[in-house]
């Protein structure tokens, strides 16, 4: 298997799916849809939707996982638009480009995020309406991952943690929810589309938690060691805001060891899943050494 070629194929499928399921920038009201498209098309590796596709194909699905992948990317993009707003992170750059509120304005960015959030569930309801049980499970997976006790709850605790000394347990709660929730949902949604057994769904959920935590630890490391030009977004904000991070608790090398351990656990669990799991294992391994 050529990992890079397969990754590129998955990325192209996601881009195609966005073109199919998200209103064009010319759709009325065009200003709103242009802002939605601007942030969705700003780049990125499409990690979460690719996981949906890869896991679904691991179980040789006959259902099309692409709408679910696009729905998840809509949720992820909405969260980034809102995180970047002046009232939260006040970021000027995202993926090397002006953030949505800088390219347009704050009200437009707020509404673009709202629209992407609601569009995600419209996509799931429309795309999987012939299999109502699957549609229900996918909507439940994604809505709970994005809700007040997971993604949004983790973001809330992250904001409250500025200028505070959080414990390891509190930091773990933030990252399990703010970051790992959507990655876990990508795993379980792909598994549900592939009609995986409940035991396999539970195993993939655990893999998602490990990958999500490792991803956030590496994000902390990059914030401390990279620069704006390389990363494509502001760096050093964790230290500036006196946030508790894995760097603060464990040091850079200790944080790297944490990420390595979590990646190893995820790969070991992945080996237990039947099917062609080579791409998924390579994807998990590649995240440990990511630049972006």
C-alpha atoms as a PDB file:
ATOM      1  CA  UNK A   1       0.000   0.000   0.000  1.00  0.00           C
ATOM      2  CA  UNK A   2       1.244   3.474  -0.929  1.00  0.00           C
ATOM      3  CA  UNK A   3       0.210   5.482   2.135  1.00  0.00           C
ATOM      4  CA  UNK A   4       0.655   8.942   0.602  1.00  0.00           C
ATOM      5  CA  UNK A   5      -1.217   8.019  -2.563  1.00  0.00           C
ATOM      6  CA  UNK A   6      -4.093   6.538  -0.557  1.00  0.00           C
ATOM      7  CA  UNK A   7      -4.168   9.592   1.706  1.00  0.00           C
ATOM      8  CA  UNK A   8      -4.292  11.858  -1.337  1.00  0.00           C
ATOM      9  CA  UNK A   9      -7.162   9.825  -2.799  1.00  0.00           C
ATOM     10  CA  UNK A  10      -9.134  10.150   0.437  1.00  0.00           C
ATOM     11  CA  UNK A  11      -8.450  13.898   0.559  1.00  0.00           C
ATOM     12  CA  UNK A  12      -9.748  14.327  -2.999  1.00  0.00           C
ATOM     13  CA  UNK A  13     -12.887  12.387  -2.099  1.00  0.00           C
ATOM     14  CA  UNK A  14     -13.518  14.715   0.842  1.00  0.00           C
ATOM     15  CA  UNK A  15     -13.074  17.795  -1.345  1.00  0.00           C
ATOM     16  CA  UNK A  16     -15.495  16.303  -3.855  1.00  0.00           C
ATOM     17  CA  UNK A  17     -17.976  15.588  -1.076  1.00  0.00           C
ATOM     18  CA  UNK A  18     -17.813  19.169   0.170  1.00  0.00           C
ATOM     19  CA  UNK A  19     -18.599  20.326  -3.356  1.00  0.00           C
ATOM     20  CA  UNK A  20     -21.580  17.987  -3.452  1.00  0.00           C
ATOM     21  CA  UNK A  21     -23.116  18.547  -0.010  1.00  0.00           C
ATOM     22  CA  UNK A  22     -22.300  22.165   0.912  1.00  0.00           C
ATOM     23  CA  UNK A  23     -24.127  25.009  -0.885  1.00  0.00           C
ATOM     24  CA  UNK A  24     -21.945  26.876  -3.370  1.00  0.00           C
ATOM     25  CA  UNK A  25     -20.739  30.374  -2.544  1.00  0.00           C
ATOM     26  CA  UNK A  26     -23.201  31.753  -5.114  1.00  0.00           C
ATOM     27  CA  UNK A  27     -26.203  30.293  -3.288  1.00  0.00           C
ATOM     28  CA  UNK A  28     -28.360  32.975  -1.673  1.00  0.00           C
ATOM     29  CA  UNK A  29     -27.481  34.496   0.693  1.00  0.00           C
ATOM     30  CA  UNK A  30     -24.167  34.440  -1.125  1.00  0.00           C
ATOM     31  CA  UNK A  31     -22.226  36.376   1.530  1.00  0.00           C
ATOM     32  CA  UNK A  32     -23.002  33.720   4.148  1.00  0.00           C
ATOM     33  CA  UNK A  33     -22.263  30.778   1.873  1.00  0.00           C
ATOM     34  CA  UNK A  34     -19.049  32.390   0.671  1.00  0.00           C
ATOM     35  CA  UNK A  35     -17.896  32.594   4.301  1.00  0.00           C
ATOM     36  CA  UNK A  36     -18.854  28.974   4.947  1.00  0.00           C
ATOM     37  CA  UNK A  37     -16.992  27.844   1.853  1.00  0.00           C
ATOM     38  CA  UNK A  38     -14.012  30.060   2.647  1.00  0.00           C
ATOM     39  CA  UNK A  39     -13.384  28.311   5.954  1.00  0.00           C
ATOM     40  CA  UNK A  40     -14.222  24.827   4.691  1.00  0.00           C
ATOM     41  CA  UNK A  41     -11.858  25.245   1.741  1.00  0.00           C
ATOM     42  CA  UNK A  42      -9.025  26.889   3.679  1.00  0.00           C
ATOM     43  CA  UNK A  43      -7.001  23.686   3.609  1.00  0.00           C
ATOM     44  CA  UNK A  44      -6.001  21.224   6.294  1.00  0.00           C
ATOM     45  CA  UNK A  45      -5.335  17.511   6.058  1.00  0.00           C
ATOM     46  CA  UNK A  46      -9.001  16.507   6.478  1.00  0.00           C
ATOM     47  CA  UNK A  47      -8.010  14.086   9.238  1.00  0.00           C
ATOM     48  CA  UNK A  48     -11.474  13.556  10.718  1.00  0.00           C
ATOM     49  CA  UNK A  49     -13.372  12.915   7.480  1.00  0.00           C
ATOM     50  CA  UNK A  50     -10.556  10.696   6.217  1.00  0.00           C
ATOM     51  CA  UNK A  51     -10.879   8.575   9.357  1.00  0.00           C
ATOM     52  CA  UNK A  52     -14.605   8.167   8.629  1.00  0.00           C
ATOM     53  CA  UNK A  53     -13.830   6.953   5.102  1.00  0.00           C
ATOM     54  CA  UNK A  54     -10.946   4.701   6.143  1.00  0.00           C
ATOM     55  CA  UNK A  55     -12.832   3.001   8.983  1.00  0.00           C
ATOM     56  CA  UNK A  56     -15.969   2.476   6.867  1.00  0.00           C
ATOM     57  CA  UNK A  57     -13.885   0.845   4.142  1.00  0.00           C
ATOM     58  CA  UNK A  58     -12.125  -1.284   6.728  1.00  0.00           C
ATOM     59  CA  UNK A  59     -15.468  -3.084   7.086  1.00  0.00           C
ATOM     60  CA  UNK A  60     -16.108  -3.090   3.310  1.00  0.00           C
ATOM     61  CA  UNK A  61     -19.216  -0.954   3.625  1.00  0.00           C
ATOM     62  CA  UNK A  62     -21.905  -0.861   0.977  1.00  0.00           C
ATOM     63  CA  UNK A  63     -23.167   2.475   2.347  1.00  0.00           C
ATOM     64  CA  UNK A  64     -21.490   5.679   1.156  1.00  0.00           C
ATOM     65  CA  UNK A  65     -19.484   7.151   4.073  1.00  0.00           C
ATOM     66  CA  UNK A  66     -18.779  10.429   2.254  1.00  0.00           C
ATOM     67  CA  UNK A  67     -21.823  12.397   3.493  1.00  0.00           C
ATOM     68  CA  UNK A  68     -20.960  11.502   7.092  1.00  0.00           C
ATOM     69  CA  UNK A  69     -17.360  12.547   6.480  1.00  0.00           C
ATOM     70  CA  UNK A  70     -18.505  15.933   5.140  1.00  0.00           C
ATOM     71  CA  UNK A  71     -20.940  16.403   8.039  1.00  0.00           C
ATOM     72  CA  UNK A  72     -18.129  15.830  10.512  1.00  0.00           C
ATOM     73  CA  UNK A  73     -15.876  18.293   8.698  1.00  0.00           C
ATOM     74  CA  UNK A  74     -18.665  20.882   8.852  1.00  0.00           C
ATOM     75  CA  UNK A  75     -18.773  20.480  12.638  1.00  0.00           C
ATOM     76  CA  UNK A  76     -14.990  20.705  12.924  1.00  0.00           C
ATOM     77  CA  UNK A  77     -14.861  23.823  10.743  1.00  0.00           C
ATOM     78  CA  UNK A  78     -17.666  25.533  12.652  1.00  0.00           C
ATOM     79  CA  UNK A  79     -15.758  24.945  15.901  1.00  0.00           C
ATOM     80  CA  UNK A  80     -12.609  26.508  14.418  1.00  0.00           C
ATOM     81  CA  UNK A  81     -14.497  29.578  13.165  1.00  0.00           C
ATOM     82  CA  UNK A  82     -15.978  30.168  16.608  1.00  0.00           C
ATOM     83  CA  UNK A  83     -12.714  29.401  18.442  1.00  0.00           C
ATOM     84  CA  UNK A  84     -10.938  32.048  16.356  1.00  0.00           C
ATOM     85  CA  UNK A  85     -13.427  34.821  17.203  1.00  0.00           C
ATOM     86  CA  UNK A  86     -12.147  37.760  19.297  1.00  0.00           C
ATOM     87  CA  UNK A  87     -14.390  36.734  22.182  1.00  0.00           C
ATOM     88  CA  UNK A  88     -12.564  33.381  22.497  1.00  0.00           C
ATOM     89  CA  UNK A  89      -9.046  32.965  21.018  1.00  0.00           C
ATOM     90  CA  UNK A  90      -8.907  36.209  19.007  1.00  0.00           C
ATOM     91  CA  UNK A  91      -6.844  34.609  16.226  1.00  0.00           C
ATOM     92  CA  UNK A  92      -5.965  36.377  12.993  1.00  0.00           C
ATOM     93  CA  UNK A  93      -4.623  33.330  11.135  1.00  0.00           C
ATOM     94  CA  UNK A  94      -5.870  29.825  10.447  1.00  0.00           C
ATOM     95  CA  UNK A  95      -3.954  27.507   8.103  1.00  0.00           C
ATOM     96  CA  UNK A  96      -1.874  30.427   6.913  1.00  0.00           C
ATOM     97  CA  UNK A  97      -4.886  32.501   5.850  1.00  0.00           C
ATOM     98  CA  UNK A  98      -6.936  35.228   7.551  1.00  0.00           C
ATOM     99  CA  UNK A  99      -9.527  33.731   9.871  1.00  0.00           C
ATOM    100  CA  UNK A 100     -13.186  33.926   8.850  1.00  0.00           C
ATOM    101  CA  UNK A 101     -13.946  37.022  10.927  1.00  0.00           C
ATOM    102  CA  UNK A 102     -10.875  38.766   9.493  1.00  0.00           C
ATOM    103  CA  UNK A 103     -11.703  37.872   5.891  1.00  0.00           C
ATOM    104  CA  UNK A 104     -15.371  38.829   6.326  1.00  0.00           C
ATOM    105  CA  UNK A 105     -16.539  40.239   9.683  1.00  0.00           C
ATOM    106  CA  UNK A 106     -17.494  38.977  13.137  1.00  0.00           C
ATOM    107  CA  UNK A 107     -21.279  38.675  12.595  1.00  0.00           C
ATOM    108  CA  UNK A 108     -20.720  36.799   9.325  1.00  0.00           C
ATOM    109  CA  UNK A 109     -18.216  34.436  10.942  1.00  0.00           C
ATOM    110  CA  UNK A 110     -20.595  33.725  13.810  1.00  0.00           C
ATOM    111  CA  UNK A 111     -23.447  32.923  11.423  1.00  0.00           C
ATOM    112  CA  UNK A 112     -21.205  30.887   9.105  1.00  0.00           C
ATOM    113  CA  UNK A 113     -20.276  28.706  12.064  1.00  0.00           C
ATOM    114  CA  UNK A 114     -23.929  28.375  13.075  1.00  0.00           C
ATOM    115  CA  UNK A 115     -24.884  27.427   9.524  1.00  0.00           C
ATOM    116  CA  UNK A 116     -22.178  24.751   9.249  1.00  0.00           C
ATOM    117  CA  UNK A 117     -23.280  23.291  12.584  1.00  0.00           C
ATOM    118  CA  UNK A 118     -26.879  22.886  11.469  1.00  0.00           C
ATOM    119  CA  UNK A 119     -25.940  21.802   7.939  1.00  0.00           C
ATOM    120  CA  UNK A 120     -24.062  18.805   9.354  1.00  0.00           C
ATOM    121  CA  UNK A 121     -27.236  17.226  10.704  1.00  0.00           C
ATOM    122  CA  UNK A 122     -29.223  18.088   7.595  1.00  0.00           C
ATOM    123  CA  UNK A 123     -26.639  16.175   5.551  1.00  0.00           C
ATOM    124  CA  UNK A 124     -26.879  13.100   7.788  1.00  0.00           C
ATOM    125  CA  UNK A 125     -30.683  13.114   7.779  1.00  0.00           C
ATOM    126  CA  UNK A 126     -30.883  13.444   3.977  1.00  0.00           C
ATOM    127  CA  UNK A 127     -28.060  11.100   3.020  1.00  0.00           C
ATOM    128  CA  UNK A 128     -29.059   8.163   5.223  1.00  0.00           C
ATOM    129  CA  UNK A 129     -32.844   8.496   5.253  1.00  0.00           C
ATOM    130  CA  UNK A 130     -33.282   5.074   3.628  1.00  0.00           C
ATOM    131  CA  UNK A 131     -31.630   3.490   6.685  1.00  0.00           C
ATOM    132  CA  UNK A 132     -33.356   5.275   9.569  1.00  0.00           C
ATOM    133  CA  UNK A 133     -31.518   3.273  12.257  1.00  0.00           C
ATOM    134  CA  UNK A 134     -28.143   4.219  10.803  1.00  0.00           C
ATOM    135  CA  UNK A 135     -29.195   7.867  10.402  1.00  0.00           C
ATOM    136  CA  UNK A 136     -30.304   7.961  14.048  1.00  0.00           C
ATOM    137  CA  UNK A 137     -27.020   6.442  15.270  1.00  0.00           C
ATOM    138  CA  UNK A 138     -24.887   8.794  13.186  1.00  0.00           C
ATOM    139  CA  UNK A 139     -26.830  11.861  14.320  1.00  0.00           C
ATOM    140  CA  UNK A 140     -26.576  10.709  17.951  1.00  0.00           C
ATOM    141  CA  UNK A 141     -22.837  10.056  17.630  1.00  0.00           C
ATOM    142  CA  UNK A 142     -22.092  13.454  16.132  1.00  0.00           C
ATOM    143  CA  UNK A 143     -24.498  15.527  18.229  1.00  0.00           C
ATOM    144  CA  UNK A 144     -23.241  14.067  21.504  1.00  0.00           C
ATOM    145  CA  UNK A 145     -19.610  14.520  20.441  1.00  0.00           C
ATOM    146  CA  UNK A 146     -20.264  18.170  19.549  1.00  0.00           C
ATOM    147  CA  UNK A 147     -22.474  18.996  22.535  1.00  0.00           C
ATOM    148  CA  UNK A 148     -22.274  20.626  25.927  1.00  0.00           C
ATOM    149  CA  UNK A 149     -20.630  17.675  27.662  1.00  0.00           C
ATOM    150  CA  UNK A 150     -18.021  16.964  24.985  1.00  0.00           C
ATOM    151  CA  UNK A 151     -16.636  19.433  22.394  1.00  0.00           C
ATOM    152  CA  UNK A 152     -18.334  22.578  23.715  1.00  0.00           C
ATOM    153  CA  UNK A 153     -17.897  21.513  27.335  1.00  0.00           C
ATOM    154  CA  UNK A 154     -14.197  20.926  26.782  1.00  0.00           C
ATOM    155  CA  UNK A 155     -13.890  24.346  25.168  1.00  0.00           C
ATOM    156  CA  UNK A 156     -15.660  25.928  28.146  1.00  0.00           C
ATOM    157  CA  UNK A 157     -13.280  24.307  30.619  1.00  0.00           C
ATOM    158  CA  UNK A 158     -10.338  25.311  28.436  1.00  0.00           C
ATOM    159  CA  UNK A 159     -11.428  28.963  28.604  1.00  0.00           C
ATOM    160  CA  UNK A 160     -11.923  28.756  32.368  1.00  0.00           C
ATOM    161  CA  UNK A 161      -8.451  27.237  32.652  1.00  0.00           C
ATOM    162  CA  UNK A 162      -6.667  30.346  31.410  1.00  0.00           C
ATOM    163  CA  UNK A 163      -4.467  31.847  34.132  1.00  0.00           C
ATOM    164  CA  UNK A 164      -5.217  28.792  36.289  1.00  0.00           C
ATOM    165  CA  UNK A 165      -3.309  25.742  37.464  1.00  0.00           C
ATOM    166  CA  UNK A 166      -5.276  22.715  36.334  1.00  0.00           C
ATOM    167  CA  UNK A 167      -4.634  19.180  37.558  1.00  0.00           C
ATOM    168  CA  UNK A 168      -3.796  16.301  35.224  1.00  0.00           C
ATOM    169  CA  UNK A 169      -7.389  15.113  35.580  1.00  0.00           C
ATOM    170  CA  UNK A 170      -8.830  18.495  34.610  1.00  0.00           C
ATOM    171  CA  UNK A 171      -6.494  18.777  31.641  1.00  0.00           C
ATOM    172  CA  UNK A 172      -7.424  15.257  30.568  1.00  0.00           C
ATOM    173  CA  UNK A 173     -11.105  16.188  30.659  1.00  0.00           C
ATOM    174  CA  UNK A 174     -10.505  19.181  28.398  1.00  0.00           C
ATOM    175  CA  UNK A 175      -8.581  17.262  25.782  1.00  0.00           C
ATOM    176  CA  UNK A 176     -10.786  14.155  25.841  1.00  0.00           C
ATOM    177  CA  UNK A 177     -13.691  16.399  24.965  1.00  0.00           C
ATOM    178  CA  UNK A 178     -12.396  19.462  23.137  1.00  0.00           C
ATOM    179  CA  UNK A 179     -10.161  17.482  20.792  1.00  0.00           C
ATOM    180  CA  UNK A 180     -10.666  13.738  21.126  1.00  0.00           C
ATOM    181  CA  UNK A 181     -14.482  13.784  20.930  1.00  0.00           C
ATOM    182  CA  UNK A 182     -14.673  14.490  17.192  1.00  0.00           C
ATOM    183  CA  UNK A 183     -11.815  12.122  16.370  1.00  0.00           C
ATOM    184  CA  UNK A 184     -13.569   9.409  18.372  1.00  0.00           C
ATOM    185  CA  UNK A 185     -16.808  10.206  16.569  1.00  0.00           C
ATOM    186  CA  UNK A 186     -15.011   9.856  13.230  1.00  0.00           C
ATOM    187  CA  UNK A 187     -13.994   6.332  14.250  1.00  0.00           C
ATOM    188  CA  UNK A 188     -17.423   5.258  15.499  1.00  0.00           C
ATOM    189  CA  UNK A 189     -19.369   6.850  12.633  1.00  0.00           C
ATOM    190  CA  UNK A 190     -17.189   5.048  10.109  1.00  0.00           C
ATOM    191  CA  UNK A 191     -17.685   1.808  12.020  1.00  0.00           C
ATOM    192  CA  UNK A 192     -21.478   2.229  12.112  1.00  0.00           C
ATOM    193  CA  UNK A 193     -21.589   2.861   8.370  1.00  0.00           C
ATOM    194  CA  UNK A 194     -19.527  -0.294   7.936  1.00  0.00           C
ATOM    195  CA  UNK A 195     -22.006  -2.255  10.098  1.00  0.00           C
ATOM    196  CA  UNK A 196     -19.274  -3.153  12.580  1.00  0.00           C
ATOM    197  CA  UNK A 197     -20.075  -5.213  15.658  1.00  0.00           C
ATOM    198  CA  UNK A 198     -20.566  -3.383  18.951  1.00  0.00           C
ATOM    199  CA  UNK A 199     -17.269  -4.779  20.281  1.00  0.00           C
ATOM    200  CA  UNK A 200     -15.443  -3.338  17.264  1.00  0.00           C
ATOM    201  CA  UNK A 201     -17.192   0.030  17.684  1.00  0.00           C
ATOM    202  CA  UNK A 202     -16.097   0.107  21.337  1.00  0.00           C
ATOM    203  CA  UNK A 203     -12.514  -0.701  20.326  1.00  0.00           C
ATOM    204  CA  UNK A 204     -12.495   2.047  17.704  1.00  0.00           C
ATOM    205  CA  UNK A 205     -13.893   4.465  20.274  1.00  0.00           C
ATOM    206  CA  UNK A 206     -10.904   3.694  22.496  1.00  0.00           C
ATOM    207  CA  UNK A 207      -8.549   4.151  19.532  1.00  0.00           C
ATOM    208  CA  UNK A 208     -10.168   7.542  18.885  1.00  0.00           C
ATOM    209  CA  UNK A 209      -9.583   8.637  22.478  1.00  0.00           C
ATOM    210  CA  UNK A 210      -5.900   7.681  22.286  1.00  0.00           C
ATOM    211  CA  UNK A 211      -5.412   9.358  18.912  1.00  0.00           C
ATOM    212  CA  UNK A 212      -7.288  12.484  20.048  1.00  0.00           C
ATOM    213  CA  UNK A 213      -5.242  12.868  23.222  1.00  0.00           C
ATOM    214  CA  UNK A 214      -1.989  12.305  21.347  1.00  0.00           C
ATOM    215  CA  UNK A 215      -3.077  14.841  18.715  1.00  0.00           C
ATOM    216  CA  UNK A 216      -3.702  17.498  21.379  1.00  0.00           C
ATOM    217  CA  UNK A 217      -0.431  16.810  23.182  1.00  0.00           C
ATOM    218  CA  UNK A 218       1.419  17.314  19.904  1.00  0.00           C
ATOM    219  CA  UNK A 219      -0.591  20.494  19.339  1.00  0.00           C
ATOM    220  CA  UNK A 220       0.664  21.754  22.724  1.00  0.00           C
ATOM    221  CA  UNK A 221       4.228  20.901  21.691  1.00  0.00           C
ATOM    222  CA  UNK A 222       3.856  22.698  18.355  1.00  0.00           C
ATOM    223  CA  UNK A 223       2.416  25.776  20.069  1.00  0.00           C
ATOM    224  CA  UNK A 224       5.522  25.909  22.242  1.00  0.00           C
ATOM    225  CA  UNK A 225       8.171  25.044  19.652  1.00  0.00           C
ATOM    226  CA  UNK A 226       6.921  26.148  16.216  1.00  0.00           C
ATOM    227  CA  UNK A 227       6.235  29.574  14.704  1.00  0.00           C
ATOM    228  CA  UNK A 228       3.344  31.282  12.947  1.00  0.00           C
ATOM    229  CA  UNK A 229       4.752  30.849   9.443  1.00  0.00           C
ATOM    230  CA  UNK A 230       5.326  27.100   9.760  1.00  0.00           C
ATOM    231  CA  UNK A 231       2.145  26.331  11.674  1.00  0.00           C
ATOM    232  CA  UNK A 232      -0.136  28.700   9.771  1.00  0.00           C
ATOM    233  CA  UNK A 233      -1.736  30.054  12.953  1.00  0.00           C
ATOM    234  CA  UNK A 234      -0.611  32.042  16.003  1.00  0.00           C
ATOM    235  CA  UNK A 235       1.760  30.212  18.346  1.00  0.00           C
ATOM    236  CA  UNK A 236       2.831  30.812  21.919  1.00  0.00           C
ATOM    237  CA  UNK A 237      -0.699  31.627  23.039  1.00  0.00           C
ATOM    238  CA  UNK A 238      -0.748  28.846  25.659  1.00  0.00           C
ATOM    239  CA  UNK A 239       2.166  30.396  27.534  1.00  0.00           C
ATOM    240  CA  UNK A 240       0.840  33.905  27.007  1.00  0.00           C
ATOM    241  CA  UNK A 241      -2.521  32.946  28.530  1.00  0.00           C
ATOM    242  CA  UNK A 242      -0.821  30.920  31.287  1.00  0.00           C
ATOM    243  CA  UNK A 243      -2.778  27.833  30.317  1.00  0.00           C
ATOM    244  CA  UNK A 244      -2.078  24.452  31.825  1.00  0.00           C
ATOM    245  CA  UNK A 245      -0.810  22.183  29.045  1.00  0.00           C
ATOM    246  CA  UNK A 246       0.990  18.868  28.801  1.00  0.00           C
ATOM    247  CA  UNK A 247       4.176  20.907  28.346  1.00  0.00           C
ATOM    248  CA  UNK A 248       3.596  22.690  31.635  1.00  0.00           C
ATOM    249  CA  UNK A 249       2.832  19.455  33.486  1.00  0.00           C
ATOM    250  CA  UNK A 250       5.341  17.068  31.887  1.00  0.00           C
ATOM    251  CA  UNK A 251       7.881  19.190  29.996  1.00  0.00           C
ATOM    252  CA  UNK A 252       8.429  18.820  26.253  1.00  0.00           C
ATOM    253  CA  UNK A 253      10.165  15.448  26.419  1.00  0.00           C
ATOM    254  CA  UNK A 254       7.668  14.105  28.918  1.00  0.00           C
ATOM    255  CA  UNK A 255       4.824  15.252  26.671  1.00  0.00           C
ATOM    256  CA  UNK A 256       6.444  13.553  23.688  1.00  0.00           C
ATOM    257  CA  UNK A 257       6.616  10.316  25.664  1.00  0.00           C
ATOM    258  CA  UNK A 258       2.920  10.640  26.508  1.00  0.00           C
ATOM    259  CA  UNK A 259       2.069  11.081  22.834  1.00  0.00           C
ATOM    260  CA  UNK A 260       4.267   8.152  21.841  1.00  0.00           C
ATOM    261  CA  UNK A 261       2.644   5.886  24.422  1.00  0.00           C
ATOM    262  CA  UNK A 262      -0.879   6.828  23.322  1.00  0.00           C
ATOM    263  CA  UNK A 263       0.015   6.308  19.657  1.00  0.00           C
ATOM    264  CA  UNK A 264       1.447   2.891  20.462  1.00  0.00           C
ATOM    265  CA  UNK A 265      -1.706   1.899  22.340  1.00  0.00           C
ATOM    266  CA  UNK A 266      -3.892   3.039  19.435  1.00  0.00           C
ATOM    267  CA  UNK A 267      -1.836   1.040  16.931  1.00  0.00           C
ATOM    268  CA  UNK A 268      -1.937  -2.079  19.096  1.00  0.00           C
ATOM    269  CA  UNK A 269      -5.713  -1.849  19.361  1.00  0.00           C
ATOM    270  CA  UNK A 270      -5.975  -1.278  15.621  1.00  0.00           C
ATOM    271  CA  UNK A 271      -4.045  -4.513  14.990  1.00  0.00           C
ATOM    272  CA  UNK A 272      -6.832  -6.437  16.738  1.00  0.00           C
ATOM    273  CA  UNK A 273      -9.459  -5.282  14.230  1.00  0.00           C
ATOM    274  CA  UNK A 274     -10.014  -7.663  11.367  1.00  0.00           C
ATOM    275  CA  UNK A 275      -9.684  -6.413   7.814  1.00  0.00           C
ATOM    276  CA  UNK A 276      -7.233  -4.319   5.838  1.00  0.00           C
ATOM    277  CA  UNK A 277      -6.134  -2.007   8.652  1.00  0.00           C
ATOM    278  CA  UNK A 278      -2.785  -0.984   7.134  1.00  0.00           C
ATOM    279  CA  UNK A 279      -3.826   2.513   6.062  1.00  0.00           C
ATOM    280  CA  UNK A 280      -5.447   3.311   9.410  1.00  0.00           C
ATOM    281  CA  UNK A 281      -2.347   2.143  11.278  1.00  0.00           C
ATOM    282  CA  UNK A 282      -0.081   4.239   9.061  1.00  0.00           C
ATOM    283  CA  UNK A 283      -2.341   7.252   9.527  1.00  0.00           C
ATOM    284  CA  UNK A 284      -2.183   6.912  13.309  1.00  0.00           C
ATOM    285  CA  UNK A 285       1.605   6.570  13.191  1.00  0.00           C
ATOM    286  CA  UNK A 286       1.977   9.609  10.917  1.00  0.00           C
ATOM    287  CA  UNK A 287       0.175  11.865  13.398  1.00  0.00           C
ATOM    288  CA  UNK A 288       2.931  11.373  15.973  1.00  0.00           C
ATOM    289  CA  UNK A 289       5.377  13.101  13.644  1.00  0.00           C
ATOM    290  CA  UNK A 290       3.046  15.675  12.127  1.00  0.00           C
ATOM    291  CA  UNK A 291       4.121  19.208  11.312  1.00  0.00           C
ATOM    292  CA  UNK A 292       0.605  20.669  11.002  1.00  0.00           C
END
